[in-house]
Amino acid sequence: MGRRAFFNCTLLENINVPRSLVSIEDGAFYNCRSLKEMIIPDTLRRLGSRAFSGCIGMEKLSISRRTKLGEHPFMGISGTITFRD
């Protein structure tokens, strides 16, 4: 998913992430304040810097422990972030 793909889409509430996705680039969901939940497939290899920063409405995010993380990918999220084996 490209850099800043959904940057500042404040009305985005949900999105289905395909299993074919291997990378979410920097700031892809930055400031998507209405995004509530995200289950990222195990196929994701890289999560870019500040990918979900500013997603203040995020209640639940689940990601594999094997995914490489950029800088501060979850800054501002007060919901639950689960790292799966």
Protein backbone atom coordinates (compact mmCIF):
# COMPACT_ATOMS: atom_id res chain seq x y z
CA MET A 1 0.00 0.00 0.00
CA GLY A 2 1.57 3.23 -1.13
CA ARG A 3 3.00 6.07 0.89
CA ARG A 4 0.21 8.28 2.26
CA ALA A 5 -2.40 6.20 0.39
CA PHE A 6 -5.20 7.21 2.78
CA PHE A 7 -3.44 10.19 4.39
CA ASN A 8 -5.91 12.37 6.30
CA CYS A 9 -9.01 10.40 5.19
CA THR A 10 -10.83 11.35 8.36
CA LEU A 11 -14.08 9.61 7.34
CA LEU A 12 -12.49 6.20 6.60
CA GLU A 13 -14.04 3.77 9.10
CA ASN A 14 -12.90 0.36 7.89
CA ILE A 15 -10.83 -1.31 5.22
CA ASN A 16 -10.30 -4.93 4.20
CA VAL A 17 -6.60 -5.68 3.94
CA PRO A 18 -5.90 -8.41 1.36
CA ARG A 19 -3.59 -11.30 2.24
CA SER A 20 -1.51 -10.41 -0.80
CA LEU A 21 -0.37 -7.16 0.84
CA VAL A 22 3.32 -7.29 1.84
CA SER A 23 3.99 -3.65 2.75
CA ILE A 24 2.17 -0.64 4.17
CA GLU A 25 4.31 2.38 3.43
CA ASP A 26 5.03 5.51 5.50
CA GLY A 27 1.98 7.46 6.60
CA ALA A 28 -0.44 5.24 4.67
CA PHE A 29 -3.25 5.74 7.21
CA TYR A 30 -1.91 8.85 8.92
CA ASN A 31 -4.67 10.81 10.68
CA CYS A 32 -7.50 8.44 9.70
CA ARG A 33 -9.35 9.43 12.85
CA SER A 34 -12.46 7.33 12.21
CA LEU A 35 -10.64 4.05 11.53
CA LYS A 36 -11.74 1.71 14.34
CA GLU A 37 -10.18 -1.70 13.80
CA MET A 38 -7.46 -3.26 11.67
CA ILE A 39 -6.38 -6.87 11.43
CA ILE A 40 -3.21 -6.96 9.40
CA PRO A 41 -2.49 -10.31 7.70
CA ASP A 42 0.60 -12.35 8.56
CA THR A 43 1.83 -11.83 4.99
CA LEU A 44 2.72 -8.19 5.76
CA ARG A 45 6.51 -7.88 5.95
CA ARG A 46 6.90 -4.14 6.55
CA LEU A 47 4.90 -1.42 8.28
CA GLY A 48 6.24 2.02 7.48
CA SER A 49 6.96 4.95 9.75
CA ARG A 50 3.89 6.66 11.18
CA ALA A 51 1.65 4.32 9.15
CA PHE A 52 -1.20 4.62 11.68
CA SER A 53 -0.12 7.73 13.58
CA GLY A 54 -2.98 10.03 14.44
CA CYS A 55 -5.59 7.26 14.20
CA ILE A 56 -7.14 8.36 17.48
CA GLY A 57 -10.35 6.35 16.95
CA MET A 58 -8.46 3.05 16.60
CA GLU A 59 -9.81 0.65 19.19
CA LYS A 60 -8.10 -2.56 18.10
CA LEU A 61 -5.12 -3.36 15.88
CA SER A 62 -3.60 -6.80 15.37
CA ILE A 63 -0.28 -7.47 13.64
CA SER A 64 2.32 -10.25 13.37
CA ARG A 65 5.46 -10.02 15.53
CA ARG A 66 7.45 -10.83 12.38
CA THR A 67 6.45 -7.59 10.65
CA LYS A 68 9.31 -5.07 10.52
CA LEU A 69 8.20 -1.74 11.96
CA GLY A 70 9.28 1.74 10.92
CA GLU A 71 9.50 4.63 13.38
CA HIS A 72 6.44 5.35 15.52
CA PRO A 73 3.92 3.45 13.41
CA PHE A 74 1.22 3.60 16.12
CA MET A 75 1.76 7.08 17.62
CA GLY A 76 -1.45 8.45 19.09
CA ILE A 77 -3.37 5.16 19.22
CA SER A 78 -4.83 4.58 22.67
CA GLY A 79 -6.65 1.35 21.77
CA THR A 80 -5.34 -2.20 22.05
CA ILE A 81 -2.44 -3.27 19.83
CA THR A 82 -1.90 -7.04 19.69
CA PHE A 83 1.28 -8.64 18.38
CA ARG A 84 0.54 -12.18 17.17
CA ASP A 85 3.07 -15.05 17.00
